[in-house]
Amino acid sequence: MEDIVLIDQKISQERLKEIASWRFGDMVKGVVDVERRVMALGADLHADEEAFLLEKGSKQNDLWGINLYPDLSMPDFLEYDSMINVRPQQNNRSRDVEDEKTRELIKEILFELVEVG
């Protein structure tokens, strides 16, 4: 079993599938730092990836939880769903990423870091 992986360079879909196999098989939980343009992948919980990135210098307000489905193509490949996204202080009151600009930024960073089929 592998630990949380910091993604700061583009990875292949094969690598993403390998990370998915460690925990859920068809899905990978991830946390994106929209300021530093990096991602943490591979944990059971978004909160663990969030803590990992905070230890590496990320700021709480910049972190958003997502789920990736390596066997699917867009738009089903990416899901903006995580408990860490519930942030009333940032006007995000649900598990979803409600702000369209933030969603687009997450998608842009995702395309920089992961080959999407």
PDB file of N, CA and C in Angstrom:
ATOM      1  N   MET A   1       0.845  -1.187   0.000  1.00  0.00           N
ATOM      2  CA  MET A   1       0.000   0.000   0.000  1.00  0.00           C
ATOM      3  C   MET A   1       0.889   1.248   0.000  1.00  0.00           C
ATOM      4  N   GLU A   2       0.588   2.144  -0.888  1.00  0.00           N
ATOM      5  CA  GLU A   2       1.364   3.373  -1.011  1.00  0.00           C
ATOM      6  C   GLU A   2       0.782   4.455  -0.107  1.00  0.00           C
ATOM      7  N   ASP A   3       1.551   5.506   0.078  1.00  0.00           N
ATOM      8  CA  ASP A   3       1.106   6.659   0.846  1.00  0.00           C
ATOM      9  C   ASP A   3       0.513   7.704  -0.091  1.00  0.00           C
ATOM     10  N   ILE A   4       0.213   8.845   0.463  1.00  0.00           N
ATOM     11  CA  ILE A   4      -0.291   9.966  -0.325  1.00  0.00           C
ATOM     12  C   ILE A   4       0.810  10.439  -1.272  1.00  0.00           C
ATOM     13  N   VAL A   5       0.411  10.739  -2.493  1.00  0.00           N
ATOM     14  CA  VAL A   5       1.350  11.161  -3.527  1.00  0.00           C
ATOM     15  C   VAL A   5       1.112  12.633  -3.852  1.00  0.00           C
ATOM     16  N   LEU A   6       2.189  13.414  -3.854  1.00  0.00           N
ATOM     17  CA  LEU A   6       2.123  14.800  -4.294  1.00  0.00           C
ATOM     18  C   LEU A   6       2.291  14.816  -5.805  1.00  0.00           C
ATOM     19  N   ILE A   7       1.322  15.398  -6.498  1.00  0.00           N
ATOM     20  CA  ILE A   7       1.367  15.488  -7.952  1.00  0.00           C
ATOM     21  C   ILE A   7       1.695  16.936  -8.305  1.00  0.00           C
ATOM     22  N   ASP A   8       2.905  17.132  -8.818  1.00  0.00           N
ATOM     23  CA  ASP A   8       3.328  18.470  -9.228  1.00  0.00           C
ATOM     24  C   ASP A   8       3.840  18.473 -10.668  1.00  0.00           C
ATOM     25  N   GLN A   9       3.760  17.305 -11.315  1.00  0.00           N
ATOM     26  CA  GLN A   9       4.098  17.142 -12.724  1.00  0.00           C
ATOM     27  C   GLN A   9       3.056  16.209 -13.335  1.00  0.00           C
ATOM     28  N   LYS A  10       2.889  16.303 -14.628  1.00  0.00           N
ATOM     29  CA  LYS A  10       1.859  15.512 -15.310  1.00  0.00           C
ATOM     30  C   LYS A  10       2.100  14.013 -15.125  1.00  0.00           C
ATOM     31  N   ILE A  11       1.013  13.303 -14.796  1.00  0.00           N
ATOM     32  CA  ILE A  11       1.046  11.842 -14.694  1.00  0.00           C
ATOM     33  C   ILE A  11       0.131  11.250 -15.761  1.00  0.00           C
ATOM     34  N   SER A  12       0.393  10.002 -16.096  1.00  0.00           N
ATOM     35  CA  SER A  12      -0.395   9.302 -17.108  1.00  0.00           C
ATOM     36  C   SER A  12      -1.678   8.753 -16.488  1.00  0.00           C
ATOM     37  N   GLN A  13      -2.605   8.377 -17.364  1.00  0.00           N
ATOM     38  CA  GLN A  13      -3.815   7.708 -16.885  1.00  0.00           C
ATOM     39  C   GLN A  13      -3.467   6.373 -16.253  1.00  0.00           C
ATOM     40  N   GLU A  14      -2.427   5.716 -16.748  1.00  0.00           N
ATOM     41  CA  GLU A  14      -2.006   4.439 -16.170  1.00  0.00           C
ATOM     42  C   GLU A  14      -1.570   4.631 -14.717  1.00  0.00           C
ATOM     43  N   ARG A  15      -0.818   5.693 -14.455  1.00  0.00           N
ATOM     44  CA  ARG A  15      -0.385   5.993 -13.079  1.00  0.00           C
ATOM     45  C   ARG A  15      -1.595   6.298 -12.205  1.00  0.00           C
ATOM     46  N   LEU A  16      -2.549   7.053 -12.740  1.00  0.00           N
ATOM     47  CA  LEU A  16      -3.761   7.359 -11.980  1.00  0.00           C
ATOM     48  C   LEU A  16      -4.530   6.080 -11.659  1.00  0.00           C
ATOM     49  N   LYS A  17      -4.606   5.173 -12.614  1.00  0.00           N
ATOM     50  CA  LYS A  17      -5.284   3.885 -12.376  1.00  0.00           C
ATOM     51  C   LYS A  17      -4.551   3.079 -11.317  1.00  0.00           C
ATOM     52  N   GLU A  18      -3.228   3.149 -11.329  1.00  0.00           N
ATOM     53  CA  GLU A  18      -2.444   2.460 -10.302  1.00  0.00           C
ATOM     54  C   GLU A  18      -2.771   3.017  -8.913  1.00  0.00           C
ATOM     55  N   ILE A  19      -2.833   4.331  -8.794  1.00  0.00           N
ATOM     56  CA  ILE A  19      -3.170   4.967  -7.516  1.00  0.00           C
ATOM     57  C   ILE A  19      -4.589   4.571  -7.100  1.00  0.00           C
ATOM     58  N   ALA A  20      -5.514   4.514  -8.055  1.00  0.00           N
ATOM     59  CA  ALA A  20      -6.891   4.094  -7.758  1.00  0.00           C
ATOM     60  C   ALA A  20      -6.925   2.686  -7.193  1.00  0.00           C
ATOM     61  N   SER A  21      -6.053   1.820  -7.692  1.00  0.00           N
ATOM     62  CA  SER A  21      -6.046   0.416  -7.257  1.00  0.00           C
ATOM     63  C   SER A  21      -5.641   0.257  -5.795  1.00  0.00           C
ATOM     64  N   TRP A  22      -4.969   1.237  -5.223  1.00  0.00           N
ATOM     65  CA  TRP A  22      -4.527   1.145  -3.830  1.00  0.00           C
ATOM     66  C   TRP A  22      -5.691   1.160  -2.851  1.00  0.00           C
ATOM     67  N   ARG A  23      -6.790   1.827  -3.214  1.00  0.00           N
ATOM     68  CA  ARG A  23      -7.873   2.024  -2.251  1.00  0.00           C
ATOM     69  C   ARG A  23      -9.240   1.605  -2.791  1.00  0.00           C
ATOM     70  N   PHE A  24      -9.733   2.319  -3.801  1.00  0.00           N
ATOM     71  CA  PHE A  24     -11.129   2.191  -4.218  1.00  0.00           C
ATOM     72  C   PHE A  24     -11.315   1.456  -5.543  1.00  0.00           C
ATOM     73  N   GLY A  25     -10.253   1.255  -6.280  1.00  0.00           N
ATOM     74  CA  GLY A  25     -10.334   0.531  -7.544  1.00  0.00           C
ATOM     75  C   GLY A  25     -10.681   1.401  -8.732  1.00  0.00           C
ATOM     76  N   ASP A  26     -11.869   1.997  -8.727  1.00  0.00           N
ATOM     77  CA  ASP A  26     -12.312   2.774  -9.881  1.00  0.00           C
ATOM     78  C   ASP A  26     -12.329   4.277  -9.626  1.00  0.00           C
ATOM     79  N   MET A  27     -11.857   4.712  -8.467  1.00  0.00           N
ATOM     80  CA  MET A  27     -11.928   6.113  -8.090  1.00  0.00           C
ATOM     81  C   MET A  27     -10.719   6.501  -7.256  1.00  0.00           C
ATOM     82  N   VAL A  28     -10.300   7.760  -7.400  1.00  0.00           N
ATOM     83  CA  VAL A  28      -9.202   8.308  -6.605  1.00  0.00           C
ATOM     84  C   VAL A  28      -9.694   9.589  -5.956  1.00  0.00           C
ATOM     85  N   LYS A  29      -9.534   9.676  -4.644  1.00  0.00           N
ATOM     86  CA  LYS A  29      -9.805  10.939  -3.968  1.00  0.00           C
ATOM     87  C   LYS A  29      -8.594  11.842  -4.129  1.00  0.00           C
ATOM     88  N   GLY A  30      -8.851  13.121  -4.286  1.00  0.00           N
ATOM     89  CA  GLY A  30      -7.764  14.064  -4.441  1.00  0.00           C
ATOM     90  C   GLY A  30      -8.086  15.402  -3.817  1.00  0.00           C
ATOM     91  N   VAL A  31      -7.037  16.147  -3.499  1.00  0.00           N
ATOM     92  CA  VAL A  31      -7.185  17.519  -3.021  1.00  0.00           C
ATOM     93  C   VAL A  31      -6.278  18.388  -3.878  1.00  0.00           C
ATOM     94  N   VAL A  32      -6.868  19.448  -4.424  1.00  0.00           N
ATOM     95  CA  VAL A  32      -6.149  20.366  -5.305  1.00  0.00           C
ATOM     96  C   VAL A  32      -5.859  21.660  -4.546  1.00  0.00           C
ATOM     97  N   ASP A  33      -4.607  22.103  -4.638  1.00  0.00           N
ATOM     98  CA  ASP A  33      -4.214  23.421  -4.131  1.00  0.00           C
ATOM     99  C   ASP A  33      -4.266  24.360  -5.326  1.00  0.00           C
ATOM    100  N   VAL A  34      -5.274  25.235  -5.356  1.00  0.00           N
ATOM    101  CA  VAL A  34      -5.482  26.093  -6.529  1.00  0.00           C
ATOM    102  C   VAL A  34      -4.472  27.227  -6.603  1.00  0.00           C
ATOM    103  N   GLU A  35      -3.776  27.518  -5.526  1.00  0.00           N
ATOM    104  CA  GLU A  35      -2.744  28.552  -5.538  1.00  0.00           C
ATOM    105  C   GLU A  35      -1.403  27.981  -5.999  1.00  0.00           C
ATOM    106  N   ARG A  36      -1.006  26.862  -5.425  1.00  0.00           N
ATOM    107  CA  ARG A  36       0.286  26.248  -5.754  1.00  0.00           C
ATOM    108  C   ARG A  36       0.217  25.365  -6.995  1.00  0.00           C
ATOM    109  N   ARG A  37      -1.015  25.052  -7.451  1.00  0.00           N
ATOM    110  CA  ARG A  37      -1.252  24.245  -8.647  1.00  0.00           C
ATOM    111  C   ARG A  37      -0.640  22.853  -8.512  1.00  0.00           C
ATOM    112  N   VAL A  38      -0.888  22.226  -7.369  1.00  0.00           N
ATOM    113  CA  VAL A  38      -0.474  20.850  -7.108  1.00  0.00           C
ATOM    114  C   VAL A  38      -1.677  20.082  -6.580  1.00  0.00           C
ATOM    115  N   MET A  39      -1.519  18.754  -6.502  1.00  0.00           N
ATOM    116  CA  MET A  39      -2.572  17.878  -6.029  1.00  0.00           C
ATOM    117  C   MET A  39      -2.002  16.802  -5.139  1.00  0.00           C
ATOM    118  N   ALA A  40      -2.786  16.370  -4.183  1.00  0.00           N
ATOM    119  CA  ALA A  40      -2.459  15.183  -3.393  1.00  0.00           C
ATOM    120  C   ALA A  40      -3.468  14.103  -3.769  1.00  0.00           C
ATOM    121  N   LEU A  41      -2.971  12.886  -3.970  1.00  0.00           N
ATOM    122  CA  LEU A  41      -3.820  11.760  -4.350  1.00  0.00           C
ATOM    123  C   LEU A  41      -3.464  10.537  -3.513  1.00  0.00           C
ATOM    124  N   GLY A  42      -4.439   9.632  -3.363  1.00  0.00           N
ATOM    125  CA  GLY A  42      -4.133   8.308  -2.859  1.00  0.00           C
ATOM    126  C   GLY A  42      -4.604   7.953  -1.467  1.00  0.00           C
ATOM    127  N   ALA A  43      -5.210   8.876  -0.739  1.00  0.00           N
ATOM    128  CA  ALA A  43      -5.634   8.574   0.630  1.00  0.00           C
ATOM    129  C   ALA A  43      -7.070   8.046   0.665  1.00  0.00           C
ATOM    130  N   ASP A  44      -7.430   7.460   1.799  1.00  0.00           N
ATOM    131  CA  ASP A  44      -8.807   7.034   2.020  1.00  0.00           C
ATOM    132  C   ASP A  44      -9.736   8.227   2.183  1.00  0.00           C
ATOM    133  N   LEU A  45      -9.212   9.307   2.759  1.00  0.00           N
ATOM    134  CA  LEU A  45     -10.029  10.484   3.080  1.00  0.00           C
ATOM    135  C   LEU A  45      -9.432  11.745   2.486  1.00  0.00           C
ATOM    136  N   HIS A  46     -10.296  12.618   1.998  1.00  0.00           N
ATOM    137  CA  HIS A  46      -9.833  13.931   1.538  1.00  0.00           C
ATOM    138  C   HIS A  46      -9.133  14.669   2.678  1.00  0.00           C
ATOM    139  N   ALA A  47      -9.621  14.493   3.892  1.00  0.00           N
ATOM    140  CA  ALA A  47      -9.038  15.189   5.047  1.00  0.00           C
ATOM    141  C   ALA A  47      -7.565  14.810   5.243  1.00  0.00           C
ATOM    142  N   ASP A  48      -7.191  13.570   4.943  1.00  0.00           N
ATOM    143  CA  ASP A  48      -5.795  13.159   5.063  1.00  0.00           C
ATOM    144  C   ASP A  48      -4.931  13.856   4.011  1.00  0.00           C
ATOM    145  N   GLU A  49      -5.455  13.970   2.798  1.00  0.00           N
ATOM    146  CA  GLU A  49      -4.725  14.675   1.744  1.00  0.00           C
ATOM    147  C   GLU A  49      -4.640  16.167   2.053  1.00  0.00           C
ATOM    148  N   GLU A  50      -5.700  16.701   2.603  1.00  0.00           N
ATOM    149  CA  GLU A  50      -5.712  18.103   3.025  1.00  0.00           C
ATOM    150  C   GLU A  50      -4.617  18.349   4.065  1.00  0.00           C
ATOM    151  N   ALA A  51      -4.538  17.494   5.070  1.00  0.00           N
ATOM    152  CA  ALA A  51      -3.515  17.624   6.115  1.00  0.00           C
ATOM    153  C   ALA A  51      -2.117  17.501   5.517  1.00  0.00           C
ATOM    154  N   PHE A  52      -1.948  16.577   4.585  1.00  0.00           N
ATOM    155  CA  PHE A  52      -0.670  16.383   3.893  1.00  0.00           C
ATOM    156  C   PHE A  52      -0.231  17.676   3.200  1.00  0.00           C
ATOM    157  N   LEU A  53      -1.139  18.310   2.468  1.00  0.00           N
ATOM    158  CA  LEU A  53      -0.796  19.542   1.761  1.00  0.00           C
ATOM    159  C   LEU A  53      -0.565  20.705   2.725  1.00  0.00           C
ATOM    160  N   LEU A  54      -1.328  20.762   3.804  1.00  0.00           N
ATOM    161  CA  LEU A  54      -1.107  21.811   4.806  1.00  0.00           C
ATOM    162  C   LEU A  54       0.289  21.686   5.406  1.00  0.00           C
ATOM    163  N   GLU A  55       0.737  20.461   5.654  1.00  0.00           N
ATOM    164  CA  GLU A  55       2.088  20.235   6.174  1.00  0.00           C
ATOM    165  C   GLU A  55       3.157  20.665   5.171  1.00  0.00           C
ATOM    166  N   LYS A  56       2.800  20.679   3.893  1.00  0.00           N
ATOM    167  CA  LYS A  56       3.742  21.065   2.839  1.00  0.00           C
ATOM    168  C   LYS A  56       3.632  22.544   2.471  1.00  0.00           C
ATOM    169  N   GLY A  57       2.883  23.314   3.278  1.00  0.00           N
ATOM    170  CA  GLY A  57       2.839  24.755   3.087  1.00  0.00           C
ATOM    171  C   GLY A  57       1.601  25.318   2.414  1.00  0.00           C
ATOM    172  N   SER A  58       0.652  24.475   2.073  1.00  0.00           N
ATOM    173  CA  SER A  58      -0.583  24.977   1.466  1.00  0.00           C
ATOM    174  C   SER A  58      -1.412  25.740   2.495  1.00  0.00           C
ATOM    175  N   LYS A  59      -2.314  26.574   2.011  1.00  0.00           N
ATOM    176  CA  LYS A  59      -3.241  27.324   2.865  1.00  0.00           C
ATOM    177  C   LYS A  59      -4.629  26.725   2.730  1.00  0.00           C
ATOM    178  N   GLN A  60      -5.321  26.640   3.843  1.00  0.00           N
ATOM    179  CA  GLN A  60      -6.637  26.011   3.911  1.00  0.00           C
ATOM    180  C   GLN A  60      -7.594  26.520   2.828  1.00  0.00           C
ATOM    181  N   ASN A  61      -7.656  27.821   2.630  1.00  0.00           N
ATOM    182  CA  ASN A  61      -8.619  28.390   1.686  1.00  0.00           C
ATOM    183  C   ASN A  61      -8.333  28.014   0.233  1.00  0.00           C
ATOM    184  N   ASP A  62      -7.147  27.484  -0.034  1.00  0.00           N
ATOM    185  CA  ASP A  62      -6.759  27.126  -1.398  1.00  0.00           C
ATOM    186  C   ASP A  62      -7.015  25.657  -1.731  1.00  0.00           C
ATOM    187  N   LEU A  63      -7.483  24.870  -0.770  1.00  0.00           N
ATOM    188  CA  LEU A  63      -7.607  23.425  -0.949  1.00  0.00           C
ATOM    189  C   LEU A  63      -9.057  23.010  -1.206  1.00  0.00           C
ATOM    190  N   TRP A  64      -9.236  22.196  -2.250  1.00  0.00           N
ATOM    191  CA  TRP A  64     -10.565  21.723  -2.634  1.00  0.00           C
ATOM    192  C   TRP A  64     -10.507  20.232  -2.922  1.00  0.00           C
ATOM    193  N   GLY A  65     -11.490  19.497  -2.420  1.00  0.00           N
ATOM    194  CA  GLY A  65     -11.557  18.055  -2.600  1.00  0.00           C
ATOM    195  C   GLY A  65     -12.307  17.668  -3.867  1.00  0.00           C
ATOM    196  N   ILE A  66     -11.759  16.663  -4.550  1.00  0.00           N
ATOM    197  CA  ILE A  66     -12.367  16.133  -5.772  1.00  0.00           C
ATOM    198  C   ILE A  66     -12.271  14.612  -5.771  1.00  0.00           C
ATOM    199  N   ASN A  67     -12.995  13.999  -6.685  1.00  0.00           N
ATOM    200  CA  ASN A  67     -12.879  12.568  -6.954  1.00  0.00           C
ATOM    201  C   ASN A  67     -12.621  12.404  -8.440  1.00  0.00           C
ATOM    202  N   LEU A  68     -11.724  11.488  -8.781  1.00  0.00           N
ATOM    203  CA  LEU A  68     -11.386  11.215 -10.170  1.00  0.00           C
ATOM    204  C   LEU A  68     -11.735   9.769 -10.496  1.00  0.00           C
ATOM    205  N   TYR A  69     -12.303   9.563 -11.669  1.00  0.00           N
ATOM    206  CA  TYR A  69     -12.701   8.244 -12.128  1.00  0.00           C
ATOM    207  C   TYR A  69     -11.898   7.930 -13.401  1.00  0.00           C
ATOM    208  N   PRO A  70     -10.729   7.282 -13.255  1.00  0.00           N
ATOM    209  CA  PRO A  70      -9.798   7.086 -14.377  1.00  0.00           C
ATOM    210  C   PRO A  70     -10.358   6.339 -15.574  1.00  0.00           C
ATOM    211  N   ASP A  71     -11.388   5.519 -15.388  1.00  0.00           N
ATOM    212  CA  ASP A  71     -11.937   4.748 -16.502  1.00  0.00           C
ATOM    213  C   ASP A  71     -12.998   5.514 -17.284  1.00  0.00           C
ATOM    214  N   LEU A  72     -13.342   6.709 -16.837  1.00  0.00           N
ATOM    215  CA  LEU A  72     -14.369   7.509 -17.500  1.00  0.00           C
ATOM    216  C   LEU A  72     -13.731   8.695 -18.219  1.00  0.00           C
ATOM    217  N   SER A  73     -14.480   9.319 -19.086  1.00  0.00           N
ATOM    218  CA  SER A  73     -14.011  10.529 -19.751  1.00  0.00           C
ATOM    219  C   SER A  73     -14.808  11.719 -19.212  1.00  0.00           C
ATOM    220  N   MET A  74     -14.346  12.906 -19.552  1.00  0.00           N
ATOM    221  CA  MET A  74     -15.028  14.112 -19.087  1.00  0.00           C
ATOM    222  C   MET A  74     -16.431  14.144 -19.674  1.00  0.00           C
ATOM    223  N   PRO A  75     -17.421  14.642 -18.949  1.00  0.00           N
ATOM    224  CA  PRO A  75     -17.301  15.287 -17.646  1.00  0.00           C
ATOM    225  C   PRO A  75     -17.359  14.326 -16.459  1.00  0.00           C
ATOM    226  N   ASP A  76     -17.623  13.045 -16.708  1.00  0.00           N
ATOM    227  CA  ASP A  76     -17.782  12.076 -15.613  1.00  0.00           C
ATOM    228  C   ASP A  76     -16.474  11.734 -14.914  1.00  0.00           C
ATOM    229  N   PHE A  77     -15.349  12.037 -15.534  1.00  0.00           N
ATOM    230  CA  PHE A  77     -14.023  11.782 -14.974  1.00  0.00           C
ATOM    231  C   PHE A  77     -13.802  12.536 -13.661  1.00  0.00           C
ATOM    232  N   LEU A  78     -14.382  13.745 -13.546  1.00  0.00           N
ATOM    233  CA  LEU A  78     -14.134  14.652 -12.422  1.00  0.00           C
ATOM    234  C   LEU A  78     -15.422  14.930 -11.654  1.00  0.00           C
ATOM    235  N   GLU A  79     -15.336  14.773 -10.339  1.00  0.00           N
ATOM    236  CA  GLU A  79     -16.464  15.054  -9.451  1.00  0.00           C
ATOM    237  C   GLU A  79     -15.980  15.996  -8.348  1.00  0.00           C
ATOM    238  N   TYR A  80     -16.690  17.090  -8.143  1.00  0.00           N
ATOM    239  CA  TYR A  80     -16.320  18.094  -7.133  1.00  0.00           C
ATOM    240  C   TYR A  80     -17.072  17.802  -5.836  1.00  0.00           C
ATOM    241  N   ASP A  81     -16.782  16.712  -5.175  1.00  0.00           N
ATOM    242  CA  ASP A  81     -17.565  16.297  -4.013  1.00  0.00           C
ATOM    243  C   ASP A  81     -16.652  15.893  -2.859  1.00  0.00           C
ATOM    244  N   SER A  82     -16.703  16.663  -1.774  1.00  0.00           N
ATOM    245  CA  SER A  82     -15.905  16.337  -0.597  1.00  0.00           C
ATOM    246  C   SER A  82     -16.420  17.103   0.618  1.00  0.00           C
ATOM    247  N   MET A  83     -16.317  16.473   1.759  1.00  0.00           N
ATOM    248  CA  MET A  83     -16.675  17.154   3.007  1.00  0.00           C
ATOM    249  C   MET A  83     -15.775  18.357   3.272  1.00  0.00           C
ATOM    250  N   ILE A  84     -14.524  18.324   2.813  1.00  0.00           N
ATOM    251  CA  ILE A  84     -13.633  19.461   3.076  1.00  0.00           C
ATOM    252  C   ILE A  84     -14.067  20.708   2.311  1.00  0.00           C
ATOM    253  N   ASN A  85     -14.981  20.546   1.347  1.00  0.00           N
ATOM    254  CA  ASN A  85     -15.456  21.689   0.576  1.00  0.00           C
ATOM    255  C   ASN A  85     -16.541  22.488   1.300  1.00  0.00           C
ATOM    256  N   VAL A  86     -17.068  21.966   2.385  1.00  0.00           N
ATOM    257  CA  VAL A  86     -18.091  22.691   3.141  1.00  0.00           C
ATOM    258  C   VAL A  86     -17.391  23.812   3.898  1.00  0.00           C
ATOM    259  N   ARG A  87     -17.567  25.045   3.404  1.00  0.00           N
ATOM    260  CA  ARG A  87     -16.875  26.218   3.950  1.00  0.00           C
ATOM    261  C   ARG A  87     -17.789  27.430   3.921  1.00  0.00           C
ATOM    262  N   PRO A  88     -18.637  27.558   4.889  1.00  0.00           N
ATOM    263  CA  PRO A  88     -19.523  28.730   4.909  1.00  0.00           C
ATOM    264  C   PRO A  88     -18.761  30.060   4.862  1.00  0.00           C
ATOM    265  N   GLN A  89     -17.569  30.115   5.465  1.00  0.00           N
ATOM    266  CA  GLN A  89     -16.783  31.353   5.467  1.00  0.00           C
ATOM    267  C   GLN A  89     -16.322  31.746   4.067  1.00  0.00           C
ATOM    268  N   GLN A  90     -16.317  30.798   3.129  1.00  0.00           N
ATOM    269  CA  GLN A  90     -15.968  31.070   1.735  1.00  0.00           C
ATOM    270  C   GLN A  90     -17.210  30.969   0.839  1.00  0.00           C
ATOM    271  N   ASN A  91     -18.364  31.058   1.449  1.00  0.00           N
ATOM    272  CA  ASN A  91     -19.647  30.977   0.734  1.00  0.00           C
ATOM    273  C   ASN A  91     -19.813  29.676  -0.030  1.00  0.00           C
ATOM    274  N   ASN A  92     -19.250  28.602   0.496  1.00  0.00           N
ATOM    275  CA  ASN A  92     -19.439  27.268  -0.084  1.00  0.00           C
ATOM    276  C   ASN A  92     -20.120  26.420   0.978  1.00  0.00           C
ATOM    277  N   ARG A  93     -21.410  26.244   0.851  1.00  0.00           N
ATOM    278  CA  ARG A  93     -22.207  25.627   1.900  1.00  0.00           C
ATOM    279  C   ARG A  93     -22.538  24.159   1.656  1.00  0.00           C
ATOM    280  N   SER A  94     -21.929  23.556   0.640  1.00  0.00           N
ATOM    281  CA  SER A  94     -22.206  22.148   0.357  1.00  0.00           C
ATOM    282  C   SER A  94     -20.898  21.406   0.093  1.00  0.00           C
ATOM    283  N   ARG A  95     -21.024  20.108  -0.125  1.00  0.00           N
ATOM    284  CA  ARG A  95     -19.855  19.279  -0.433  1.00  0.00           C
ATOM    285  C   ARG A  95     -19.340  19.558  -1.845  1.00  0.00           C
ATOM    286  N   ASP A  96     -20.156  20.168  -2.661  1.00  0.00           N
ATOM    287  CA  ASP A  96     -19.807  20.512  -4.030  1.00  0.00           C
ATOM    288  C   ASP A  96     -18.980  21.802  -4.035  1.00  0.00           C
ATOM    289  N   VAL A  97     -18.210  22.036  -5.093  1.00  0.00           N
ATOM    290  CA  VAL A  97     -17.539  23.328  -5.281  1.00  0.00           C
ATOM    291  C   VAL A  97     -18.548  24.195  -6.019  1.00  0.00           C
ATOM    292  N   GLU A  98     -19.101  25.180  -5.322  1.00  0.00           N
ATOM    293  CA  GLU A  98     -20.222  25.943  -5.871  1.00  0.00           C
ATOM    294  C   GLU A  98     -19.800  27.068  -6.805  1.00  0.00           C
ATOM    295  N   ASP A  99     -18.644  27.659  -6.597  1.00  0.00           N
ATOM    296  CA  ASP A  99     -18.186  28.785  -7.402  1.00  0.00           C
ATOM    297  C   ASP A  99     -17.672  28.288  -8.756  1.00  0.00           C
ATOM    298  N   GLU A 100     -18.271  28.777  -9.835  1.00  0.00           N
ATOM    299  CA  GLU A 100     -17.909  28.319 -11.183  1.00  0.00           C
ATOM    300  C   GLU A 100     -16.453  28.644 -11.522  1.00  0.00           C
ATOM    301  N   LYS A 101     -15.947  29.785 -11.106  1.00  0.00           N
ATOM    302  CA  LYS A 101     -14.547  30.137 -11.385  1.00  0.00           C
ATOM    303  C   LYS A 101     -13.597  29.167 -10.695  1.00  0.00           C
ATOM    304  N   THR A 102     -13.914  28.779  -9.472  1.00  0.00           N
ATOM    305  CA  THR A 102     -13.079  27.816  -8.749  1.00  0.00           C
ATOM    306  C   THR A 102     -13.144  26.457  -9.428  1.00  0.00           C
ATOM    307  N   ARG A 103     -14.318  26.050  -9.873  1.00  0.00           N
ATOM    308  CA  ARG A 103     -14.466  24.777 -10.590  1.00  0.00           C
ATOM    309  C   ARG A 103     -13.600  24.771 -11.843  1.00  0.00           C
ATOM    310  N   GLU A 104     -13.646  25.857 -12.602  1.00  0.00           N
ATOM    311  CA  GLU A 104     -12.857  25.947 -13.830  1.00  0.00           C
ATOM    312  C   GLU A 104     -11.358  25.932 -13.536  1.00  0.00           C
ATOM    313  N   LEU A 105     -10.954  26.595 -12.452  1.00  0.00           N
ATOM    314  CA  LEU A 105      -9.542  26.595 -12.064  1.00  0.00           C
ATOM    315  C   LEU A 105      -9.089  25.189 -11.675  1.00  0.00           C
ATOM    316  N   ILE A 106      -9.904  24.481 -10.920  1.00  0.00           N
ATOM    317  CA  ILE A 106      -9.592  23.097 -10.554  1.00  0.00           C
ATOM    318  C   ILE A 106      -9.439  22.242 -11.806  1.00  0.00           C
ATOM    319  N   LYS A 107     -10.358  22.380 -12.756  1.00  0.00           N
ATOM    320  CA  LYS A 107     -10.301  21.609 -13.993  1.00  0.00           C
ATOM    321  C   LYS A 107      -9.045  21.947 -14.792  1.00  0.00           C
ATOM    322  N   GLU A 108      -8.704  23.213 -14.861  1.00  0.00           N
ATOM    323  CA  GLU A 108      -7.487  23.640 -15.574  1.00  0.00           C
ATOM    324  C   GLU A 108      -6.242  22.998 -14.960  1.00  0.00           C
ATOM    325  N   ILE A 109      -6.147  23.022 -13.634  1.00  0.00           N
ATOM    326  CA  ILE A 109      -5.006  22.429 -12.938  1.00  0.00           C
ATOM    327  C   ILE A 109      -4.993  20.912 -13.146  1.00  0.00           C
ATOM    328  N   LEU A 110      -6.158  20.307 -13.086  1.00  0.00           N
ATOM    329  CA  LEU A 110      -6.263  18.863 -13.313  1.00  0.00           C
ATOM    330  C   LEU A 110      -5.707  18.494 -14.689  1.00  0.00           C
ATOM    331  N   PHE A 111      -6.079  19.254 -15.720  1.00  0.00           N
ATOM    332  CA  PHE A 111      -5.584  18.969 -17.068  1.00  0.00           C
ATOM    333  C   PHE A 111      -4.091  19.179 -17.181  1.00  0.00           C
ATOM    334  N   GLU A 112      -3.522  20.062 -16.366  1.00  0.00           N
ATOM    335  CA  GLU A 112      -2.071  20.249 -16.348  1.00  0.00           C
ATOM    336  C   GLU A 112      -1.356  19.060 -15.704  1.00  0.00           C
ATOM    337  N   LEU A 113      -2.018  18.403 -14.749  1.00  0.00           N
ATOM    338  CA  LEU A 113      -1.361  17.393 -13.929  1.00  0.00           C
ATOM    339  C   LEU A 113      -1.706  15.939 -14.270  1.00  0.00           C
ATOM    340  N   VAL A 114      -2.800  15.714 -14.982  1.00  0.00           N
ATOM    341  CA  VAL A 114      -3.231  14.347 -15.258  1.00  0.00           C
ATOM    342  C   VAL A 114      -3.672  14.234 -16.712  1.00  0.00           C
ATOM    343  N   GLU A 115      -3.208  13.182 -17.382  1.00  0.00           N
ATOM    344  CA  GLU A 115      -3.718  12.879 -18.726  1.00  0.00           C
ATOM    345  C   GLU A 115      -5.170  12.451 -18.567  1.00  0.00           C
ATOM    346  N   VAL A 116      -6.061  13.184 -19.200  1.00  0.00           N
ATOM    347  CA  VAL A 116      -7.480  12.890 -19.107  1.00  0.00           C
ATOM    348  C   VAL A 116      -7.934  12.296 -20.433  1.00  0.00           C
ATOM    349  N   GLY A 117      -8.557  11.116 -20.357  1.00  0.00           N
ATOM    350  CA  GLY A 117      -9.004  10.435 -21.579  1.00  0.00           C
ATOM    351  C   GLY A 117     -10.260  10.980 -22.174  1.00  0.00           C
TER     352      GLY A 117
END
